[in-house]
Amino acid sequence: MSLVHNFPFFSILLCMVAGIFSSMLKKEAAKWVTLSVSLGVLVLSAFTLHLTLGLDDNYPFMMGHVPAPWGNEIRIGRLEALMATGVSAVLFLSLIAGFYHAPAFVSEQKTNLYCIMVDLALAAVLVLIYTNDLFTVYVFIEIMTIASCALVVVRQNGHTLVAITRYMIMHLFGSGLLLLGIAMLYGITGHLLMEPLGIAVRQLVLTGQYNGPLTVVIALITAGLAIKSAMFPFHGWAPDTYAFAPPLSSAILSGIISKAYIFVMIKFFYRVVGMELIISQQVHQFLFICGVAGMIIASVLAISQRDIRRMIAYSSVAQIGYVYMGLGMGNTAGVEAAVFQMLVHATVKSVLFLSTYELINVSGDRKRFRYLHGAGYRNVPAGIVFTFAAMSMVGIPFTGGFIVKLNLAISGMAFGGWVRALVLIALAMSTLLNAVYFLHTVVSIYRRPTQELVYPAVDPMPRYAAAAMLASLLLIVYLGVGSEPILQVIETGLKTFS
């Protein structure tokens, strides 16, 4: 085993150690540590991805000397390495673009705490991507929930307190369902590691034992993760949480955190129960219907918003619907499109929230559309980045969003009857609705402001922050024009995922 084989474990350990040091350092030093760790994780993940591309299968990394089924382990393959590289790249760019305005939302006394929570959130995301143990999944989901709450509540006002209360209630409910499902699954199989679990579940299916409890387990775990990832109609916690959190926190929560829950669900479907059982139990149809409903209804709700932050928050719910529609198709092409959408949405949504803050900042801290007129001229980089990100959300060619919709349409064409029709109609309606509210926003930020509106002078955005946003823009374009290698990694990664 080469040194690179250890990099996933080093990435997790690095984040945990950084959290300890961030608690002891001065606030500026803590920021630098967190930023450096995100860059370090990106480099380690990129090396891991390069390693896995040369392997025929994924490989396990034992946590200690006790083998399966009693020990704990992480399992690394192309798909895991790709996701780790993607989320660490998004986090690194988000921190560069968003750290400078953190003092406007985070007091000096809480800066270290904020950095600790970012470190813990990244560690939890990496664990959920790599782990091969269901109990470890539950433990780090709880760590990620606590870290996410702290990232929101550091901005203490009435809106955030109400939002975080709703967030905690919904997420604790989701955690309860998840824990109950894991406990029942352990009770009928005697395993927590995913490979032994998969073997035991297949044996139960062949013998016909515990059919009822197994159905309940699948329902509990799927529902728990769906709540946490803001799948419609369990999205009630998301709009206010994303809208009223500090901009950097919104970028992290909507762009990165929600994807970890969905990745765990995909891992559970493929590695534990098998897609054949998911299809036979018609779980995929439930996800498909919820995904389609979210794409349409959340987009309609986004159109009705007058606050740009809430519009983007509802857009996040709609975009998560694309992921669940792909998963709900139940075929390999649909899941590949869903995973690619996770990468695209992580990139686009994070930069949307950060560029939106810049547009609000040059508009006198006013969030309604009528006050944003001319904001694209007052902050040119933010206006350009927002426009290109909006184009990806709509699905304009040469952006990542276009590739997502194209692949979902191709996947839907493999079906006949109502599924094909519903996929194509949903994609068309959602694209039209996305165009309505994003075009309205782009027109607003470039419309000439009325003379009675006065905008106070603000400090220009630092060049490094603008550069990070423009780098995200280039990443969005790359996902549109250079998507083929990424899709190939996803395709081959899914083949070795089970």
Protein backbone atom coordinates (compact mmCIF):
# COMPACT_ATOMS: atom_id res chain seq x y z
CA MET A 1 0.00 0.00 0.00
CA SER A 2 1.45 3.36 -1.06
CA LEU A 3 1.33 6.59 0.91
CA VAL A 4 -1.46 7.91 -1.32
CA HIS A 5 -3.73 5.08 -0.15
CA ASN A 6 -3.71 6.77 3.27
CA PHE A 7 -4.70 10.22 1.98
CA PRO A 8 -8.47 9.88 2.65
CA PHE A 9 -7.77 9.10 6.30
CA PHE A 10 -5.21 11.93 6.44
CA SER A 11 -7.86 14.31 5.04
CA ILE A 12 -10.31 13.47 7.81
CA LEU A 13 -7.63 13.63 10.50
CA LEU A 14 -6.34 16.95 9.17
CA CYS A 15 -9.78 18.54 9.54
CA MET A 16 -10.20 17.25 13.09
CA VAL A 17 -6.76 18.48 14.16
CA ALA A 18 -7.42 21.85 12.51
CA GLY A 19 -10.54 22.22 14.63
CA ILE A 20 -8.44 21.79 17.77
CA PHE A 21 -5.86 24.35 16.68
CA SER A 22 -8.55 26.80 15.55
CA SER A 23 -9.83 26.92 19.12
CA MET A 24 -6.45 28.06 20.45
CA LEU A 25 -5.27 30.53 17.82
CA LYS A 26 -6.10 34.17 17.24
CA LYS A 27 -9.02 34.76 14.92
CA GLU A 28 -6.99 35.65 11.81
CA ALA A 29 -4.69 32.67 12.35
CA ALA A 30 -7.74 30.41 12.77
CA LYS A 31 -9.07 31.63 9.42
CA TRP A 32 -5.76 30.86 7.75
CA VAL A 33 -5.69 27.39 9.30
CA THR A 34 -9.20 26.62 8.05
CA LEU A 35 -8.41 27.95 4.58
CA SER A 36 -5.14 26.01 4.44
CA VAL A 37 -6.85 22.81 5.56
CA SER A 38 -9.47 23.10 2.83
CA LEU A 39 -6.67 23.52 0.28
CA GLY A 40 -4.79 20.58 1.79
CA VAL A 41 -7.87 18.37 1.61
CA LEU A 42 -8.37 19.41 -2.02
CA VAL A 43 -4.80 18.39 -2.88
CA LEU A 44 -5.04 15.09 -0.99
CA SER A 45 -8.40 14.31 -2.61
CA ALA A 46 -7.03 15.09 -6.07
CA PHE A 47 -4.13 12.67 -5.50
CA THR A 48 -6.61 10.06 -4.27
CA LEU A 49 -8.74 10.53 -7.38
CA HIS A 50 -5.67 10.09 -9.57
CA LEU A 51 -4.83 6.90 -7.67
CA THR A 52 -8.31 5.40 -8.01
CA LEU A 53 -8.39 6.09 -11.75
CA GLY A 54 -5.58 3.55 -12.07
CA LEU A 55 -7.33 0.89 -9.98
CA ASP A 56 -9.88 -1.63 -11.18
CA ASP A 57 -11.84 -1.62 -7.92
CA ASN A 58 -12.24 0.37 -4.72
CA TYR A 59 -10.06 -0.43 -1.75
CA PRO A 60 -10.69 -0.61 2.02
CA PHE A 61 -8.74 1.22 4.72
CA MET A 62 -9.06 -0.43 8.12
CA MET A 63 -9.33 1.88 11.13
CA GLY A 64 -6.99 -0.15 13.33
CA HIS A 65 -6.12 -3.84 13.16
CA VAL A 66 -9.54 -5.45 13.66
CA PRO A 67 -10.96 -6.71 10.33
CA ALA A 68 -14.57 -6.80 9.18
CA PRO A 69 -17.21 -7.46 10.33
CA TRP A 70 -16.19 -6.24 13.81
CA GLY A 71 -13.78 -3.45 12.96
CA ASN A 72 -14.40 -0.09 11.33
CA GLU A 73 -13.20 0.93 7.90
CA ILE A 74 -13.48 3.45 5.14
CA ARG A 75 -13.72 2.39 1.49
CA ILE A 76 -12.30 4.47 -1.31
CA GLY A 77 -13.19 4.34 -4.99
CA ARG A 78 -13.45 6.69 -7.94
CA LEU A 79 -16.85 8.03 -6.98
CA GLU A 80 -15.83 8.77 -3.40
CA ALA A 81 -12.61 10.47 -4.51
CA LEU A 82 -14.46 12.53 -7.13
CA MET A 83 -17.03 13.75 -4.59
CA ALA A 84 -14.32 14.57 -2.04
CA THR A 85 -12.39 16.54 -4.65
CA GLY A 86 -15.51 18.39 -5.75
CA VAL A 87 -16.74 19.43 -2.31
CA SER A 88 -13.27 20.44 -1.11
CA ALA A 89 -12.76 22.58 -4.23
CA VAL A 90 -16.11 24.28 -3.70
CA LEU A 91 -15.37 24.88 -0.02
CA PHE A 92 -11.90 26.28 -0.75
CA LEU A 93 -13.24 28.78 -3.30
CA SER A 94 -16.18 29.67 -1.04
CA LEU A 95 -13.86 30.41 1.89
CA ILE A 96 -11.67 32.68 -0.23
CA ALA A 97 -14.71 34.54 -1.56
CA GLY A 98 -16.65 34.65 1.71
CA PHE A 99 -14.25 34.87 4.64
CA TYR A 100 -13.54 38.56 4.16
CA HIS A 101 -17.12 39.64 4.95
CA ALA A 102 -17.57 37.21 7.85
CA PRO A 103 -17.02 40.02 10.44
CA ALA A 104 -20.27 41.61 9.25
CA PHE A 105 -22.15 38.55 10.53
CA VAL A 106 -19.82 36.87 13.04
CA SER A 107 -18.58 38.73 16.11
CA GLU A 108 -14.89 38.67 17.04
CA GLN A 109 -15.60 36.41 20.01
CA LYS A 110 -17.20 33.80 17.73
CA THR A 111 -14.70 33.81 14.85
CA ASN A 112 -12.75 30.88 16.28
CA LEU A 113 -15.96 28.95 16.89
CA TYR A 114 -17.00 29.59 13.30
CA CYS A 115 -13.70 28.22 11.99
CA ILE A 116 -14.01 25.16 14.24
CA MET A 117 -17.47 24.44 12.88
CA VAL A 118 -16.26 24.76 9.27
CA ASP A 119 -13.46 22.29 10.04
CA LEU A 120 -15.88 19.86 11.69
CA ALA A 121 -18.39 20.18 8.86
CA LEU A 122 -15.73 19.34 6.28
CA ALA A 123 -14.52 16.40 8.39
CA ALA A 124 -18.08 15.08 8.68
CA VAL A 125 -18.70 15.41 4.94
CA LEU A 126 -15.50 13.49 4.18
CA VAL A 127 -16.41 10.75 6.66
CA LEU A 128 -19.87 10.36 5.11
CA ILE A 129 -18.29 10.12 1.66
CA TYR A 130 -15.69 7.53 2.63
CA THR A 131 -17.14 5.51 5.52
CA ASN A 132 -18.23 1.93 5.09
CA ASP A 133 -20.00 1.68 8.46
CA LEU A 134 -23.61 2.67 9.12
CA PHE A 135 -23.12 3.57 12.78
CA THR A 136 -20.26 5.89 11.80
CA VAL A 137 -22.70 7.43 9.33
CA TYR A 138 -25.11 8.24 12.14
CA VAL A 139 -22.41 9.64 14.46
CA PHE A 140 -20.99 12.02 11.89
CA ILE A 141 -24.41 13.05 10.63
CA GLU A 142 -25.07 14.28 14.16
CA ILE A 143 -21.71 16.07 14.22
CA MET A 144 -22.56 17.69 10.89
CA THR A 145 -26.00 18.71 12.17
CA ILE A 146 -24.49 20.45 15.20
CA ALA A 147 -21.83 22.15 13.08
CA SER A 148 -24.48 23.31 10.59
CA CYS A 149 -26.60 24.79 13.37
CA ALA A 150 -23.62 26.71 14.69
CA LEU A 151 -22.82 28.06 11.21
CA VAL A 152 -26.32 29.54 11.06
CA VAL A 153 -26.91 30.72 14.60
CA VAL A 154 -23.69 32.78 14.80
CA ARG A 155 -25.77 35.46 13.10
CA GLN A 156 -28.03 36.11 16.05
CA ASN A 157 -31.27 37.82 15.09
CA GLY A 158 -34.92 36.88 15.17
CA HIS A 159 -34.96 35.39 11.68
CA THR A 160 -32.01 33.07 12.25
CA LEU A 161 -33.30 31.91 15.64
CA VAL A 162 -36.66 30.95 14.15
CA ALA A 163 -34.96 29.33 11.15
CA ILE A 164 -32.55 27.32 13.28
CA THR A 165 -35.35 26.15 15.55
CA ARG A 166 -37.22 24.78 12.54
CA TYR A 167 -33.95 23.33 11.25
CA MET A 168 -33.25 21.51 14.52
CA ILE A 169 -36.77 20.11 14.81
CA MET A 170 -36.77 18.70 11.28
CA HIS A 171 -33.21 17.40 11.43
CA LEU A 172 -33.68 15.75 14.81
CA PHE A 173 -36.77 14.05 13.43
CA GLY A 174 -34.74 12.87 10.44
CA SER A 175 -31.95 11.66 12.74
CA GLY A 176 -34.47 9.72 14.81
CA LEU A 177 -35.83 7.94 11.76
CA LEU A 178 -32.30 7.18 10.57
CA LEU A 179 -31.19 5.79 13.95
CA LEU A 180 -34.31 3.66 14.26
CA GLY A 181 -33.74 2.25 10.78
CA ILE A 182 -30.09 1.45 11.52
CA ALA A 183 -31.01 -0.20 14.83
CA MET A 184 -33.66 -2.37 13.16
CA LEU A 185 -31.26 -3.31 10.38
CA TYR A 186 -28.62 -4.30 12.92
CA GLY A 187 -31.23 -6.32 14.78
CA ILE A 188 -32.15 -8.45 11.77
CA THR A 189 -28.65 -8.80 10.27
CA GLY A 190 -26.15 -8.43 13.13
CA HIS A 191 -23.90 -6.19 11.02
CA LEU A 192 -23.07 -2.50 10.67
CA LEU A 193 -20.36 -2.61 7.98
CA MET A 194 -21.93 -2.16 4.56
CA GLU A 195 -20.44 -5.14 2.71
CA PRO A 196 -21.49 -7.74 5.34
CA LEU A 197 -24.83 -5.92 5.56
CA GLY A 198 -25.31 -6.26 1.81
CA ILE A 199 -24.60 -9.98 1.92
CA ALA A 200 -26.97 -10.47 4.86
CA VAL A 201 -29.76 -8.45 3.21
CA ARG A 202 -29.48 -10.42 -0.03
CA GLN A 203 -29.70 -13.63 1.97
CA LEU A 204 -32.83 -12.38 3.74
CA VAL A 205 -34.41 -11.49 0.42
CA LEU A 206 -33.64 -14.95 -1.01
CA THR A 207 -35.11 -16.75 2.00
CA GLY A 208 -38.08 -14.40 2.35
CA GLN A 209 -37.29 -13.67 6.01
CA TYR A 210 -38.05 -10.32 7.62
CA ASN A 211 -39.69 -8.88 4.51
CA GLY A 212 -41.84 -6.54 6.58
CA PRO A 213 -39.07 -5.24 8.86
CA LEU A 214 -36.75 -4.82 5.87
CA THR A 215 -39.34 -2.68 4.11
CA VAL A 216 -39.70 -0.55 7.24
CA VAL A 217 -35.91 -0.17 7.48
CA ILE A 218 -35.66 1.08 3.91
CA ALA A 219 -38.53 3.52 4.49
CA LEU A 220 -37.04 4.87 7.74
CA ILE A 221 -33.51 5.42 6.44
CA THR A 222 -34.70 6.87 3.13
CA ALA A 223 -37.13 9.25 4.85
CA GLY A 224 -34.53 10.36 7.40
CA LEU A 225 -31.97 11.23 4.74
CA ALA A 226 -34.63 12.83 2.51
CA ILE A 227 -35.65 15.19 5.32
CA LYS A 228 -32.05 16.18 5.96
CA SER A 229 -31.34 16.84 2.28
CA ALA A 230 -34.45 19.06 1.84
CA MET A 231 -36.29 16.79 -0.57
CA PHE A 232 -39.77 18.11 -1.35
CA PRO A 233 -42.12 18.01 0.58
CA PHE A 234 -39.73 17.77 3.56
CA HIS A 235 -38.06 21.05 2.63
CA GLY A 236 -39.80 23.31 5.15
CA TRP A 237 -36.61 24.02 7.10
CA ALA A 238 -34.53 25.01 4.06
CA PRO A 239 -35.79 28.39 2.72
CA ASP A 240 -35.38 30.41 5.92
CA THR A 241 -32.18 28.62 6.92
CA TYR A 242 -30.48 29.33 3.61
CA ALA A 243 -31.90 32.84 3.31
CA PHE A 244 -31.07 34.20 6.77
CA ALA A 245 -27.77 32.46 7.53
CA PRO A 246 -24.50 34.32 6.89
CA PRO A 247 -23.73 34.15 3.14
CA LEU A 248 -20.72 31.87 3.60
CA SER A 249 -22.80 29.55 5.78
CA SER A 250 -25.56 29.46 3.15
CA ALA A 251 -22.97 28.56 0.51
CA ILE A 252 -21.64 25.71 2.67
CA LEU A 253 -25.03 24.36 3.75
CA SER A 254 -26.78 24.46 0.38
CA GLY A 255 -23.74 23.66 -1.73
CA ILE A 256 -21.97 20.98 0.29
CA ILE A 257 -23.80 19.71 3.38
CA SER A 258 -26.99 18.64 1.61
CA LYS A 259 -24.99 16.58 -0.92
CA ALA A 260 -23.43 14.44 1.81
CA TYR A 261 -26.85 13.16 2.90
CA ILE A 262 -27.78 12.22 -0.66
CA PHE A 263 -24.44 10.49 -1.18
CA VAL A 264 -25.09 8.38 1.91
CA MET A 265 -28.50 7.46 0.47
CA ILE A 266 -26.93 6.35 -2.82
CA LYS A 267 -24.37 4.33 -0.89
CA PHE A 268 -27.15 2.71 1.15
CA PHE A 269 -29.10 1.84 -2.00
CA TYR A 270 -26.15 0.36 -3.87
CA ARG A 271 -23.97 -1.12 -1.16
CA VAL A 272 -26.45 -2.28 1.50
CA VAL A 273 -29.87 -3.15 0.09
CA GLY A 274 -29.20 -3.16 -3.65
CA MET A 275 -31.05 -1.24 -6.35
CA GLU A 276 -33.04 -4.36 -7.25
CA LEU A 277 -34.73 -4.31 -3.85
CA ILE A 278 -35.28 -0.54 -4.03
CA ILE A 279 -37.05 -1.01 -7.36
CA SER A 280 -39.07 -4.03 -6.23
CA GLN A 281 -40.24 -2.07 -3.16
CA GLN A 282 -41.08 0.89 -5.48
CA VAL A 283 -39.04 3.27 -3.34
CA HIS A 284 -37.62 4.77 -6.52
CA GLN A 285 -41.10 5.79 -7.66
CA PHE A 286 -41.64 7.71 -4.43
CA LEU A 287 -38.33 9.55 -4.93
CA PHE A 288 -39.18 10.20 -8.57
CA ILE A 289 -42.57 11.74 -7.78
CA CYS A 290 -41.15 13.86 -4.96
CA GLY A 291 -38.31 15.00 -7.21
CA VAL A 292 -40.63 16.04 -10.04
CA ALA A 293 -42.98 17.80 -7.61
CA GLY A 294 -40.05 19.66 -6.05
CA MET A 295 -38.75 20.79 -9.43
CA ILE A 296 -42.09 22.38 -10.31
CA ILE A 297 -43.59 23.55 -7.02
CA ALA A 298 -40.38 24.94 -5.53
CA SER A 299 -39.78 26.87 -8.76
CA VAL A 300 -43.29 28.34 -8.56
CA LEU A 301 -42.61 29.36 -4.96
CA ALA A 302 -39.30 30.92 -6.03
CA ILE A 303 -41.12 33.10 -8.56
CA SER A 304 -43.42 34.44 -5.83
CA GLN A 305 -40.55 35.67 -3.63
CA ARG A 306 -39.67 39.34 -3.32
CA ASP A 307 -36.47 38.73 -1.35
CA ILE A 308 -33.64 37.53 -3.60
CA ARG A 309 -32.21 35.33 -0.84
CA ARG A 310 -35.45 33.40 -0.42
CA MET A 311 -35.75 33.06 -4.18
CA ILE A 312 -32.35 31.36 -4.34
CA ALA A 313 -33.24 29.23 -1.31
CA TYR A 314 -36.36 27.88 -3.02
CA SER A 315 -34.28 27.37 -6.14
CA SER A 316 -32.08 25.04 -4.07
CA VAL A 317 -35.11 22.90 -3.23
CA ALA A 318 -36.00 22.74 -6.92
CA GLN A 319 -32.46 21.73 -7.85
CA ILE A 320 -32.45 18.96 -5.25
CA GLY A 321 -35.56 17.75 -7.07
CA TYR A 322 -33.42 17.11 -10.15
CA VAL A 323 -31.20 14.82 -8.07
CA TYR A 324 -34.13 12.83 -6.76
CA MET A 325 -35.75 12.58 -10.17
CA GLY A 326 -32.52 11.01 -11.45
CA LEU A 327 -32.34 8.62 -8.51
CA GLY A 328 -36.03 7.84 -8.91
CA MET A 329 -35.60 6.65 -12.47
CA GLY A 330 -33.85 3.61 -11.02
CA ASN A 331 -31.53 3.09 -13.98
CA THR A 332 -27.79 3.66 -14.16
CA ALA A 333 -28.06 6.65 -16.49
CA GLY A 334 -30.45 8.40 -14.11
CA VAL A 335 -28.18 7.88 -11.11
CA GLU A 336 -25.19 9.12 -13.11
CA ALA A 337 -27.11 12.29 -13.98
CA ALA A 338 -28.10 12.69 -10.32
CA VAL A 339 -24.49 12.45 -9.12
CA PHE A 340 -23.36 14.92 -11.78
CA GLN A 341 -26.14 17.28 -10.69
CA MET A 342 -24.80 17.08 -7.14
CA LEU A 343 -21.42 18.36 -8.35
CA VAL A 344 -22.96 21.05 -10.55
CA HIS A 345 -25.35 22.28 -7.89
CA ALA A 346 -22.60 22.39 -5.26
CA THR A 347 -20.54 24.64 -7.51
CA VAL A 348 -23.33 26.89 -8.77
CA LYS A 349 -25.36 27.34 -5.61
CA SER A 350 -22.41 28.27 -3.41
CA VAL A 351 -21.29 31.02 -5.77
CA LEU A 352 -24.89 32.19 -6.22
CA PHE A 353 -25.27 32.88 -2.50
CA LEU A 354 -21.89 34.62 -2.29
CA SER A 355 -22.44 36.80 -5.36
CA THR A 356 -25.94 37.65 -4.14
CA TYR A 357 -24.48 39.03 -0.92
CA GLU A 358 -22.16 41.26 -2.95
CA LEU A 359 -25.12 42.59 -4.96
CA ILE A 360 -27.08 43.22 -1.76
CA ASN A 361 -24.08 44.91 -0.15
CA VAL A 362 -23.77 47.51 -2.92
CA SER A 363 -27.54 48.12 -2.72
CA GLY A 364 -27.57 49.44 0.83
CA ASP A 365 -28.08 45.98 2.37
CA ARG A 366 -31.55 45.83 0.79
CA LYS A 367 -32.72 42.45 -0.47
CA ARG A 368 -35.86 43.18 -2.45
CA PHE A 369 -35.61 43.22 -6.21
CA ARG A 370 -36.68 46.83 -6.65
CA TYR A 371 -33.64 47.95 -4.66
CA LEU A 372 -31.19 45.82 -6.64
CA HIS A 373 -31.50 47.84 -9.84
CA GLY A 374 -28.04 48.62 -11.19
CA ALA A 375 -26.26 46.31 -8.72
CA GLY A 376 -24.56 44.50 -11.60
CA TYR A 377 -22.83 47.77 -12.52
CA ARG A 378 -21.95 48.71 -8.95
CA ASN A 379 -20.19 45.36 -8.50
CA VAL A 380 -19.18 44.11 -11.92
CA PRO A 381 -17.53 40.78 -10.93
CA ALA A 382 -20.50 39.77 -8.78
CA GLY A 383 -22.93 40.68 -11.55
CA ILE A 384 -21.03 38.61 -14.13
CA VAL A 385 -20.72 35.60 -11.84
CA PHE A 386 -24.38 35.75 -10.82
CA THR A 387 -25.45 35.94 -14.47
CA PHE A 388 -23.40 32.91 -15.51
CA ALA A 389 -24.53 30.93 -12.46
CA ALA A 390 -28.13 31.79 -13.32
CA MET A 391 -27.53 30.58 -16.87
CA SER A 392 -26.41 27.23 -15.47
CA MET A 393 -29.51 27.02 -13.29
CA VAL A 394 -31.68 27.59 -16.35
CA GLY A 395 -29.71 25.08 -18.42
CA ILE A 396 -28.11 27.28 -21.07
CA PRO A 397 -25.65 25.34 -23.30
CA PHE A 398 -21.97 25.33 -22.32
CA THR A 399 -22.85 25.25 -18.62
CA GLY A 400 -23.06 22.35 -16.19
CA GLY A 401 -26.81 22.76 -15.80
CA PHE A 402 -27.35 22.07 -19.49
CA ILE A 403 -25.45 18.76 -19.27
CA VAL A 404 -27.53 17.72 -16.26
CA LYS A 405 -30.82 18.33 -18.04
CA LEU A 406 -29.58 16.71 -21.24
CA ASN A 407 -28.54 13.55 -19.40
CA LEU A 408 -31.78 13.42 -17.42
CA ALA A 409 -33.73 13.70 -20.68
CA ILE A 410 -31.65 10.94 -22.29
CA SER A 411 -32.18 8.76 -19.23
CA GLY A 412 -35.92 9.40 -19.35
CA MET A 413 -36.07 8.45 -23.02
CA ALA A 414 -35.06 4.91 -22.06
CA PHE A 415 -38.50 4.48 -20.52
CA GLY A 416 -41.85 4.32 -22.20
CA GLY A 417 -45.29 5.60 -21.36
CA TRP A 418 -45.92 8.00 -18.50
CA VAL A 419 -42.35 8.01 -17.14
CA ARG A 420 -40.85 9.34 -20.37
CA ALA A 421 -43.61 11.90 -20.76
CA LEU A 422 -43.35 13.05 -17.16
CA VAL A 423 -39.56 13.43 -17.33
CA LEU A 424 -39.68 15.53 -20.48
CA ILE A 425 -42.62 17.64 -19.30
CA ALA A 426 -41.04 18.22 -15.88
CA LEU A 427 -37.71 19.24 -17.42
CA ALA A 428 -39.43 21.61 -19.84
CA MET A 429 -41.66 23.20 -17.19
CA SER A 430 -38.83 23.51 -14.67
CA THR A 431 -36.53 25.07 -17.25
CA LEU A 432 -39.21 27.59 -18.19
CA LEU A 433 -39.89 28.47 -14.55
CA ASN A 434 -36.16 28.78 -13.83
CA ALA A 435 -35.84 31.12 -16.78
CA VAL A 436 -38.69 33.27 -15.46
CA TYR A 437 -37.26 34.01 -12.03
CA PHE A 438 -33.57 34.06 -12.93
CA LEU A 439 -34.15 36.23 -16.01
CA HIS A 440 -36.19 38.58 -13.84
CA THR A 441 -33.31 38.78 -11.38
CA VAL A 442 -30.63 39.35 -14.03
CA VAL A 443 -32.75 42.07 -15.63
CA SER A 444 -33.24 43.66 -12.20
CA ILE A 445 -29.53 43.88 -11.38
CA TYR A 446 -28.80 45.50 -14.76
CA ARG A 447 -31.83 47.80 -14.86
CA ARG A 448 -31.18 51.50 -14.41
CA PRO A 449 -32.08 52.48 -10.82
CA THR A 450 -34.68 55.15 -10.16
CA GLN A 451 -33.35 58.57 -9.21
CA GLU A 452 -34.90 58.62 -5.73
CA LEU A 453 -32.86 55.59 -4.66
CA VAL A 454 -29.57 56.47 -2.99
CA TYR A 455 -26.92 53.81 -2.46
CA PRO A 456 -24.21 54.39 0.15
CA ALA A 457 -20.60 53.94 -0.85
CA VAL A 458 -19.09 50.62 0.22
CA ASP A 459 -15.59 49.20 0.08
CA PRO A 460 -14.94 47.31 -3.15
CA MET A 461 -14.76 43.55 -3.07
CA PRO A 462 -11.16 42.36 -2.58
CA ARG A 463 -9.47 41.13 -5.71
CA TYR A 464 -8.82 37.70 -4.25
CA ALA A 465 -12.54 37.29 -3.51
CA ALA A 466 -13.42 38.34 -7.05
CA ALA A 467 -10.79 35.93 -8.39
CA ALA A 468 -12.31 33.05 -6.38
CA MET A 469 -15.76 33.82 -7.76
CA LEU A 470 -14.41 33.96 -11.30
CA ALA A 471 -12.66 30.63 -10.70
CA SER A 472 -16.03 29.18 -9.72
CA LEU A 473 -17.45 30.61 -12.94
CA LEU A 474 -14.74 28.82 -14.93
CA LEU A 475 -15.56 25.62 -13.06
CA ILE A 476 -19.23 26.00 -14.06
CA VAL A 477 -18.20 26.39 -17.70
CA TYR A 478 -15.82 23.43 -17.46
CA LEU A 479 -18.64 21.26 -16.13
CA GLY A 480 -20.53 22.24 -19.28
CA VAL A 481 -17.86 21.85 -21.96
CA GLY A 482 -15.58 19.26 -20.31
CA SER A 483 -18.16 17.04 -18.68
CA GLU A 484 -17.33 13.83 -20.55
CA PRO A 485 -14.34 12.75 -18.38
CA ILE A 486 -16.32 13.46 -15.21
CA LEU A 487 -19.30 11.48 -16.46
CA GLN A 488 -16.98 8.59 -17.31
CA VAL A 489 -15.56 8.64 -13.78
CA ILE A 490 -19.11 8.60 -12.38
CA GLU A 491 -20.09 5.72 -14.69
CA THR A 492 -17.09 3.56 -13.80
CA GLY A 493 -17.34 4.57 -10.15
CA LEU A 494 -20.92 3.35 -9.89
CA LYS A 495 -19.92 -0.02 -11.34
CA THR A 496 -17.53 -0.58 -8.41
CA PHE A 497 -19.75 1.14 -5.84
CA SER A 498 -21.68 -1.91 -4.70
